[in-house]
């Protein structure tokens, strides 16, 4: 993360007899979203050579991450080991580093959340879900574990320009088994009777601290594999569910 102060990448010389040796490393910025040394990071190893002894067989490539307070999107670079002395390079000689930009406009709702709600089957629901940014669309997010216990597939939502509402389209695939195809179904409001049909969406209200309150009932509904014949609900989350950022 761009807010991290230091990233340490361990490199090991494996030798039963305690060989000594060294290896250099080179850094190549990504061709599309390349991280620039001095702007996005600095290198803690001035010589860019790691030296190993039998007493110190592990050395770290040290990357100091710079928080530049400018939104530029994620930046990437590749570290490659080269010019090894008194040893042979193993298969893992390259490492790709992604610096995640913390100035993303939706950063305040990205990460892990604790969801709390009533179940339509009775009892309380308390689960963890995760919201991730989309790689290209700044108003689109991806949600893991939208429905507790019935969310093996990530689903997407979009955030309005004011960043006050989250819209999750119904009808998305959300769970899959060998016998059933499972999709998101939802109803307007708490204990709603009017179904949100194709083209509609579940609405969540977004607070300034990132807390999201889902206004509508929603859940994972199963259809017999390859058909539109309903088989029933896996789980049903009552409206007014609250997602609080961890």
C-alpha atoms as a PDB file:
ATOM      1  CA  UNK A   1       0.000   0.000   0.000  1.00  0.00           C
ATOM      2  CA  UNK A   2       1.145   3.537  -0.739  1.00  0.00           C
ATOM      3  CA  UNK A   3       0.787   4.292   2.989  1.00  0.00           C
ATOM      4  CA  UNK A   4       3.324   1.585   3.888  1.00  0.00           C
ATOM      5  CA  UNK A   5       6.756   2.890   4.820  1.00  0.00           C
ATOM      6  CA  UNK A   6       8.845  -0.111   3.858  1.00  0.00           C
ATOM      7  CA  UNK A   7       8.565  -3.321   1.849  1.00  0.00           C
ATOM      8  CA  UNK A   8      11.162  -6.033   2.446  1.00  0.00           C
ATOM      9  CA  UNK A   9      11.505  -8.864  -0.071  1.00  0.00           C
ATOM     10  CA  UNK A  10      13.582 -11.765   1.251  1.00  0.00           C
ATOM     11  CA  UNK A  11      16.146 -13.502  -0.948  1.00  0.00           C
ATOM     12  CA  UNK A  12      17.728 -16.748   0.279  1.00  0.00           C
ATOM     13  CA  UNK A  13      20.892 -18.582  -0.666  1.00  0.00           C
ATOM     14  CA  UNK A  14      20.145 -22.218   0.133  1.00  0.00           C
ATOM     15  CA  UNK A  15      23.215 -24.311   0.834  1.00  0.00           C
ATOM     16  CA  UNK A  16      23.770 -27.259   3.145  1.00  0.00           C
ATOM     17  CA  UNK A  17      27.521 -26.591   3.165  1.00  0.00           C
ATOM     18  CA  UNK A  18      27.202 -22.872   3.987  1.00  0.00           C
ATOM     19  CA  UNK A  19      28.307 -21.375   0.700  1.00  0.00           C
ATOM     20  CA  UNK A  20      29.000 -17.668   0.445  1.00  0.00           C
ATOM     21  CA  UNK A  21      27.842 -15.714  -2.575  1.00  0.00           C
ATOM     22  CA  UNK A  22      26.142 -12.656  -3.947  1.00  0.00           C
ATOM     23  CA  UNK A  23      23.483 -11.601  -6.418  1.00  0.00           C
ATOM     24  CA  UNK A  24      22.562  -8.299  -8.043  1.00  0.00           C
ATOM     25  CA  UNK A  25      19.051  -7.094  -8.780  1.00  0.00           C
ATOM     26  CA  UNK A  26      17.626  -4.805 -11.440  1.00  0.00           C
ATOM     27  CA  UNK A  27      14.318  -2.948 -11.460  1.00  0.00           C
ATOM     28  CA  UNK A  28      12.184  -2.428 -14.559  1.00  0.00           C
ATOM     29  CA  UNK A  29       9.053  -0.232 -14.488  1.00  0.00           C
ATOM     30  CA  UNK A  30       5.834  -1.596 -15.965  1.00  0.00           C
ATOM     31  CA  UNK A  31       5.368  -0.504 -19.577  1.00  0.00           C
ATOM     32  CA  UNK A  32       1.843   0.841 -18.967  1.00  0.00           C
ATOM     33  CA  UNK A  33       1.674   1.888 -15.309  1.00  0.00           C
ATOM     34  CA  UNK A  34       5.324   2.097 -14.374  1.00  0.00           C
ATOM     35  CA  UNK A  35       6.441   3.121 -10.891  1.00  0.00           C
ATOM     36  CA  UNK A  36       9.143   5.800 -11.000  1.00  0.00           C
ATOM     37  CA  UNK A  37      12.057   5.659  -8.589  1.00  0.00           C
ATOM     38  CA  UNK A  38      12.223   8.824  -6.508  1.00  0.00           C
ATOM     39  CA  UNK A  39       8.527   9.574  -7.062  1.00  0.00           C
ATOM     40  CA  UNK A  40       6.812   6.358  -6.019  1.00  0.00           C
ATOM     41  CA  UNK A  41       9.615   4.551  -4.165  1.00  0.00           C
ATOM     42  CA  UNK A  42      13.286   4.526  -3.253  1.00  0.00           C
ATOM     43  CA  UNK A  43      15.701   1.603  -2.873  1.00  0.00           C
ATOM     44  CA  UNK A  44      17.224   0.847   0.514  1.00  0.00           C
ATOM     45  CA  UNK A  45      20.089  -1.212  -0.971  1.00  0.00           C
ATOM     46  CA  UNK A  46      22.372   1.394  -2.523  1.00  0.00           C
ATOM     47  CA  UNK A  47      24.684  -1.088  -4.246  1.00  0.00           C
ATOM     48  CA  UNK A  48      21.791  -3.260  -5.485  1.00  0.00           C
ATOM     49  CA  UNK A  49      23.920  -6.260  -4.545  1.00  0.00           C
ATOM     50  CA  UNK A  50      22.981  -8.774  -1.862  1.00  0.00           C
ATOM     51  CA  UNK A  51      25.841 -10.645  -0.167  1.00  0.00           C
ATOM     52  CA  UNK A  52      25.297 -13.933   1.662  1.00  0.00           C
ATOM     53  CA  UNK A  53      27.358 -15.847   4.242  1.00  0.00           C
ATOM     54  CA  UNK A  54      26.744 -19.117   6.027  1.00  0.00           C
ATOM     55  CA  UNK A  55      25.616 -17.110   9.070  1.00  0.00           C
ATOM     56  CA  UNK A  56      23.406 -14.736   7.043  1.00  0.00           C
ATOM     57  CA  UNK A  57      21.866 -16.782   4.223  1.00  0.00           C
ATOM     58  CA  UNK A  58      18.852 -14.433   3.889  1.00  0.00           C
ATOM     59  CA  UNK A  59      19.068 -10.814   2.731  1.00  0.00           C
ATOM     60  CA  UNK A  60      16.249  -8.387   1.958  1.00  0.00           C
ATOM     61  CA  UNK A  61      15.625  -6.137  -1.000  1.00  0.00           C
ATOM     62  CA  UNK A  62      14.318  -3.010   0.728  1.00  0.00           C
ATOM     63  CA  UNK A  63      11.763  -0.800  -1.006  1.00  0.00           C
ATOM     64  CA  UNK A  64      10.740   2.464   0.691  1.00  0.00           C
ATOM     65  CA  UNK A  65       7.269   3.432  -0.503  1.00  0.00           C
ATOM     66  CA  UNK A  66       6.515   7.130  -1.053  1.00  0.00           C
ATOM     67  CA  UNK A  67       3.017   8.497  -0.382  1.00  0.00           C
ATOM     68  CA  UNK A  68       2.849  11.336  -2.912  1.00  0.00           C
ATOM     69  CA  UNK A  69      -0.713  12.505  -2.099  1.00  0.00           C
ATOM     70  CA  UNK A  70      -1.641  12.444  -5.808  1.00  0.00           C
ATOM     71  CA  UNK A  71      -4.086  10.037  -7.436  1.00  0.00           C
ATOM     72  CA  UNK A  72      -2.307   8.305 -10.314  1.00  0.00           C
ATOM     73  CA  UNK A  73      -3.638   4.767 -10.026  1.00  0.00           C
ATOM     74  CA  UNK A  74      -1.639   1.711  -9.007  1.00  0.00           C
ATOM     75  CA  UNK A  75       1.999   1.614 -10.136  1.00  0.00           C
ATOM     76  CA  UNK A  76       4.057  -1.503 -10.896  1.00  0.00           C
ATOM     77  CA  UNK A  77       7.648  -2.569 -11.364  1.00  0.00           C
ATOM     78  CA  UNK A  78       9.542  -5.844 -11.696  1.00  0.00           C
ATOM     79  CA  UNK A  79      12.580  -6.868  -9.660  1.00  0.00           C
ATOM     80  CA  UNK A  80      14.847  -9.440 -11.300  1.00  0.00           C
ATOM     81  CA  UNK A  81      17.841 -11.190  -9.790  1.00  0.00           C
ATOM     82  CA  UNK A  82      20.939 -11.279 -11.983  1.00  0.00           C
ATOM     83  CA  UNK A  83      24.723 -11.746 -11.974  1.00  0.00           C
ATOM     84  CA  UNK A  84      24.795 -14.433  -9.309  1.00  0.00           C
ATOM     85  CA  UNK A  85      28.187 -15.332  -7.860  1.00  0.00           C
ATOM     86  CA  UNK A  86      29.155 -18.776  -6.467  1.00  0.00           C
ATOM     87  CA  UNK A  87      25.610 -20.166  -6.787  1.00  0.00           C
ATOM     88  CA  UNK A  88      22.829 -20.798  -9.312  1.00  0.00           C
ATOM     89  CA  UNK A  89      19.599 -18.864  -9.748  1.00  0.00           C
ATOM     90  CA  UNK A  90      16.472 -20.749  -8.807  1.00  0.00           C
ATOM     91  CA  UNK A  91      13.179 -20.546 -10.683  1.00  0.00           C
ATOM     92  CA  UNK A  92      11.855 -17.658  -8.576  1.00  0.00           C
ATOM     93  CA  UNK A  93      14.162 -14.955  -9.881  1.00  0.00           C
ATOM     94  CA  UNK A  94      11.521 -12.311 -10.644  1.00  0.00           C
ATOM     95  CA  UNK A  95       9.051 -10.455  -8.450  1.00  0.00           C
ATOM     96  CA  UNK A  96       6.362  -7.987  -9.538  1.00  0.00           C
ATOM     97  CA  UNK A  97       5.559  -5.227  -7.035  1.00  0.00           C
ATOM     98  CA  UNK A  98       2.304  -3.275  -7.167  1.00  0.00           C
ATOM     99  CA  UNK A  99       2.077  -0.017  -5.222  1.00  0.00           C
ATOM    100  CA  UNK A 100      -1.608   0.533  -4.444  1.00  0.00           C
ATOM    101  CA  UNK A 101      -2.632   4.186  -4.714  1.00  0.00           C
ATOM    102  CA  UNK A 102      -4.376   5.248  -1.508  1.00  0.00           C
ATOM    103  CA  UNK A 103      -5.824   8.360  -3.153  1.00  0.00           C
ATOM    104  CA  UNK A 104      -8.386   6.283  -5.086  1.00  0.00           C
ATOM    105  CA  UNK A 105     -11.703   8.191  -4.926  1.00  0.00           C
ATOM    106  CA  UNK A 106     -13.409   5.171  -3.341  1.00  0.00           C
ATOM    107  CA  UNK A 107     -10.592   4.343  -0.915  1.00  0.00           C
ATOM    108  CA  UNK A 108     -12.871   5.046   2.059  1.00  0.00           C
ATOM    109  CA  UNK A 109     -15.100   2.066   1.152  1.00  0.00           C
ATOM    110  CA  UNK A 110     -12.401  -0.365   0.028  1.00  0.00           C
ATOM    111  CA  UNK A 111     -11.289  -3.193   2.309  1.00  0.00           C
ATOM    112  CA  UNK A 112     -12.844  -5.543   4.832  1.00  0.00           C
ATOM    113  CA  UNK A 113     -16.278  -4.986   6.372  1.00  0.00           C
ATOM    114  CA  UNK A 114     -18.350  -6.657   9.086  1.00  0.00           C
ATOM    115  CA  UNK A 115     -21.946  -7.159   8.027  1.00  0.00           C
ATOM    116  CA  UNK A 116     -24.817  -7.419  10.489  1.00  0.00           C
ATOM    117  CA  UNK A 117     -28.451  -8.129   9.702  1.00  0.00           C
ATOM    118  CA  UNK A 118     -31.423 -10.349  10.390  1.00  0.00           C
ATOM    119  CA  UNK A 119     -31.832 -13.518   8.358  1.00  0.00           C
ATOM    120  CA  UNK A 120     -35.097 -14.130   6.544  1.00  0.00           C
ATOM    121  CA  UNK A 121     -34.902 -17.617   8.022  1.00  0.00           C
ATOM    122  CA  UNK A 122     -34.694 -16.259  11.584  1.00  0.00           C
ATOM    123  CA  UNK A 123     -31.762 -15.290  13.770  1.00  0.00           C
ATOM    124  CA  UNK A 124     -28.941 -12.803  13.352  1.00  0.00           C
ATOM    125  CA  UNK A 125     -26.337 -12.699  10.604  1.00  0.00           C
ATOM    126  CA  UNK A 126     -22.794 -11.577  11.386  1.00  0.00           C
ATOM    127  CA  UNK A 127     -20.242 -12.008   8.617  1.00  0.00           C
ATOM    128  CA  UNK A 128     -17.205 -10.536   6.870  1.00  0.00           C
ATOM    129  CA  UNK A 129     -17.270  -9.211   3.316  1.00  0.00           C
ATOM    130  CA  UNK A 130     -14.689  -7.442   1.194  1.00  0.00           C
ATOM    131  CA  UNK A 131     -14.924  -4.558  -1.270  1.00  0.00           C
ATOM    132  CA  UNK A 132     -12.248  -4.170  -3.941  1.00  0.00           C
ATOM    133  CA  UNK A 133     -11.744  -1.508  -6.600  1.00  0.00           C
ATOM    134  CA  UNK A 134     -12.191  -2.210 -10.277  1.00  0.00           C
ATOM    135  CA  UNK A 135      -8.996  -2.131 -12.332  1.00  0.00           C
ATOM    136  CA  UNK A 136     -10.379   0.402 -14.827  1.00  0.00           C
ATOM    137  CA  UNK A 137     -13.671   1.985 -13.720  1.00  0.00           C
ATOM    138  CA  UNK A 138     -13.264   4.423 -10.800  1.00  0.00           C
ATOM    139  CA  UNK A 139     -16.950   4.153  -9.859  1.00  0.00           C
ATOM    140  CA  UNK A 140     -17.141   0.362  -9.949  1.00  0.00           C
ATOM    141  CA  UNK A 141     -16.344  -1.981  -7.062  1.00  0.00           C
ATOM    142  CA  UNK A 142     -16.298  -5.775  -6.550  1.00  0.00           C
ATOM    143  CA  UNK A 143     -17.830  -7.445  -3.507  1.00  0.00           C
ATOM    144  CA  UNK A 144     -16.812 -10.812  -2.060  1.00  0.00           C
ATOM    145  CA  UNK A 145     -19.205 -12.676   0.266  1.00  0.00           C
ATOM    146  CA  UNK A 146     -22.205 -10.414  -0.328  1.00  0.00           C
ATOM    147  CA  UNK A 147     -24.473 -13.134   1.075  1.00  0.00           C
ATOM    148  CA  UNK A 148     -23.025 -15.015   4.065  1.00  0.00           C
ATOM    149  CA  UNK A 149     -22.402 -18.665   3.230  1.00  0.00           C
ATOM    150  CA  UNK A 150     -23.686 -18.346  -0.335  1.00  0.00           C
ATOM    151  CA  UNK A 151     -21.255 -16.113  -2.258  1.00  0.00           C
ATOM    152  CA  UNK A 152     -18.556 -18.041  -4.090  1.00  0.00           C
ATOM    153  CA  UNK A 153     -18.547 -15.521  -6.976  1.00  0.00           C
ATOM    154  CA  UNK A 154     -17.625 -11.830  -6.713  1.00  0.00           C
ATOM    155  CA  UNK A 155     -20.378  -9.424  -7.738  1.00  0.00           C
ATOM    156  CA  UNK A 156     -20.078  -5.798  -8.791  1.00  0.00           C
ATOM    157  CA  UNK A 157     -21.686  -2.558  -7.765  1.00  0.00           C
ATOM    158  CA  UNK A 158     -21.387   1.063  -8.824  1.00  0.00           C
ATOM    159  CA  UNK A 159     -21.124   4.205  -6.721  1.00  0.00           C
ATOM    160  CA  UNK A 160     -22.879   7.442  -7.681  1.00  0.00           C
ATOM    161  CA  UNK A 161     -20.970  10.655  -8.428  1.00  0.00           C
ATOM    162  CA  UNK A 162     -21.678  12.027  -4.944  1.00  0.00           C
ATOM    163  CA  UNK A 163     -20.298   8.820  -3.352  1.00  0.00           C
ATOM    164  CA  UNK A 164     -23.429   8.534  -1.213  1.00  0.00           C
ATOM    165  CA  UNK A 165     -25.072   5.468  -2.776  1.00  0.00           C
ATOM    166  CA  UNK A 166     -24.000   1.978  -3.796  1.00  0.00           C
ATOM    167  CA  UNK A 167     -26.034   0.194  -6.474  1.00  0.00           C
ATOM    168  CA  UNK A 168     -25.723  -3.610  -6.825  1.00  0.00           C
ATOM    169  CA  UNK A 169     -27.548  -4.953  -9.927  1.00  0.00           C
ATOM    170  CA  UNK A 170     -29.811  -7.942  -9.339  1.00  0.00           C
ATOM    171  CA  UNK A 171     -29.568 -11.071 -11.470  1.00  0.00           C
ATOM    172  CA  UNK A 172     -25.802 -11.456 -11.152  1.00  0.00           C
ATOM    173  CA  UNK A 173     -24.339 -14.925 -10.711  1.00  0.00           C
ATOM    174  CA  UNK A 174     -23.252 -15.215  -7.081  1.00  0.00           C
ATOM    175  CA  UNK A 175     -22.948 -18.905  -6.165  1.00  0.00           C
ATOM    176  CA  UNK A 176     -22.410 -22.093  -8.123  1.00  0.00           C
ATOM    177  CA  UNK A 177     -22.828 -25.775  -7.348  1.00  0.00           C
ATOM    178  CA  UNK A 178     -22.967 -28.922  -9.474  1.00  0.00           C
ATOM    179  CA  UNK A 179     -26.779 -28.916  -9.261  1.00  0.00           C
ATOM    180  CA  UNK A 180     -27.775 -25.235  -9.166  1.00  0.00           C
ATOM    181  CA  UNK A 181     -27.167 -21.863 -10.766  1.00  0.00           C
ATOM    182  CA  UNK A 182     -27.541 -19.161  -8.133  1.00  0.00           C
ATOM    183  CA  UNK A 183     -28.273 -15.484  -8.666  1.00  0.00           C
ATOM    184  CA  UNK A 184     -28.964 -12.345  -6.640  1.00  0.00           C
ATOM    185  CA  UNK A 185     -32.657 -11.679  -6.025  1.00  0.00           C
ATOM    186  CA  UNK A 186     -33.912  -8.708  -4.050  1.00  0.00           C
ATOM    187  CA  UNK A 187     -37.039  -6.893  -2.867  1.00  0.00           C
ATOM    188  CA  UNK A 188     -37.552  -3.190  -2.246  1.00  0.00           C
ATOM    189  CA  UNK A 189     -37.310  -2.084   1.371  1.00  0.00           C
ATOM    190  CA  UNK A 190     -37.266  -4.046   4.613  1.00  0.00           C
ATOM    191  CA  UNK A 191     -39.487  -7.146   4.477  1.00  0.00           C
ATOM    192  CA  UNK A 192     -40.404  -5.970   0.976  1.00  0.00           C
ATOM    193  CA  UNK A 193     -43.034  -7.572  -1.216  1.00  0.00           C
ATOM    194  CA  UNK A 194     -42.193  -5.900  -4.543  1.00  0.00           C
ATOM    195  CA  UNK A 195     -39.348  -7.671  -6.297  1.00  0.00           C
ATOM    196  CA  UNK A 196     -36.510  -5.695  -7.864  1.00  0.00           C
ATOM    197  CA  UNK A 197     -36.632  -6.952 -11.430  1.00  0.00           C
ATOM    198  CA  UNK A 198     -34.024  -7.224 -14.183  1.00  0.00           C
ATOM    199  CA  UNK A 199     -32.289  -3.902 -14.731  1.00  0.00           C
ATOM    200  CA  UNK A 200     -32.878  -2.842 -11.133  1.00  0.00           C
ATOM    201  CA  UNK A 201     -30.475  -2.802  -8.234  1.00  0.00           C
ATOM    202  CA  UNK A 202     -30.092  -3.098  -4.483  1.00  0.00           C
ATOM    203  CA  UNK A 203     -29.436   0.305  -2.898  1.00  0.00           C
ATOM    204  CA  UNK A 204     -26.933   0.979  -0.151  1.00  0.00           C
ATOM    205  CA  UNK A 205     -26.536   4.336   1.598  1.00  0.00           C
ATOM    206  CA  UNK A 206     -22.882   5.307   2.159  1.00  0.00           C
ATOM    207  CA  UNK A 207     -21.922   7.337   5.244  1.00  0.00           C
ATOM    208  CA  UNK A 208     -18.875   9.608   5.412  1.00  0.00           C
ATOM    209  CA  UNK A 209     -16.996   7.061   7.540  1.00  0.00           C
ATOM    210  CA  UNK A 210     -17.548   4.353   4.908  1.00  0.00           C
ATOM    211  CA  UNK A 211     -20.367   2.535   6.713  1.00  0.00           C
ATOM    212  CA  UNK A 212     -22.902   1.178   4.207  1.00  0.00           C
ATOM    213  CA  UNK A 213     -26.559   0.549   5.082  1.00  0.00           C
ATOM    214  CA  UNK A 214     -28.372  -1.717   2.614  1.00  0.00           C
ATOM    215  CA  UNK A 215     -31.980  -0.575   2.268  1.00  0.00           C
ATOM    216  CA  UNK A 216     -33.438  -3.631   0.514  1.00  0.00           C
ATOM    217  CA  UNK A 217     -33.947  -7.317   1.230  1.00  0.00           C
ATOM    218  CA  UNK A 218     -31.629  -9.492  -0.856  1.00  0.00           C
ATOM    219  CA  UNK A 219     -30.252 -12.984  -1.039  1.00  0.00           C
ATOM    220  CA  UNK A 220     -28.934 -15.922  -3.044  1.00  0.00           C
ATOM    221  CA  UNK A 221     -31.633 -17.786  -4.955  1.00  0.00           C
ATOM    222  CA  UNK A 222     -31.028 -21.193  -6.558  1.00  0.00           C
ATOM    223  CA  UNK A 223     -32.272 -22.369  -9.952  1.00  0.00           C
ATOM    224  CA  UNK A 224     -31.943 -25.926 -11.194  1.00  0.00           C
ATOM    225  CA  UNK A 225     -28.822 -26.170 -13.340  1.00  0.00           C
ATOM    226  CA  UNK A 226     -29.334 -24.776 -16.829  1.00  0.00           C
ATOM    227  CA  UNK A 227     -32.978 -23.827 -16.231  1.00  0.00           C
ATOM    228  CA  UNK A 228     -35.084 -20.921 -14.972  1.00  0.00           C
ATOM    229  CA  UNK A 229     -36.950 -23.188 -12.570  1.00  0.00           C
ATOM    230  CA  UNK A 230     -36.533 -22.013  -9.007  1.00  0.00           C
ATOM    231  CA  UNK A 231     -35.314 -24.345  -6.273  1.00  0.00           C
ATOM    232  CA  UNK A 232     -35.345 -21.953  -3.307  1.00  0.00           C
ATOM    233  CA  UNK A 233     -33.215 -19.616  -1.212  1.00  0.00           C
ATOM    234  CA  UNK A 234     -29.767 -20.373   0.156  1.00  0.00           C
ATOM    235  CA  UNK A 235     -29.810 -17.310   2.401  1.00  0.00           C
ATOM    236  CA  UNK A 236     -31.962 -14.193   2.672  1.00  0.00           C
ATOM    237  CA  UNK A 237     -30.602 -10.975   4.168  1.00  0.00           C
ATOM    238  CA  UNK A 238     -33.238  -8.626   5.532  1.00  0.00           C
ATOM    239  CA  UNK A 239     -33.114  -4.909   4.639  1.00  0.00           C
ATOM    240  CA  UNK A 240     -31.310  -2.393   6.859  1.00  0.00           C
ATOM    241  CA  UNK A 241     -28.216  -4.602   6.875  1.00  0.00           C
ATOM    242  CA  UNK A 242     -25.219  -2.587   8.065  1.00  0.00           C
ATOM    243  CA  UNK A 243     -21.696  -3.051   6.707  1.00  0.00           C
ATOM    244  CA  UNK A 244     -19.121  -1.438   8.982  1.00  0.00           C
ATOM    245  CA  UNK A 245     -15.522  -1.093   7.827  1.00  0.00           C
ATOM    246  CA  UNK A 246     -12.989  -3.112   9.827  1.00  0.00           C
END
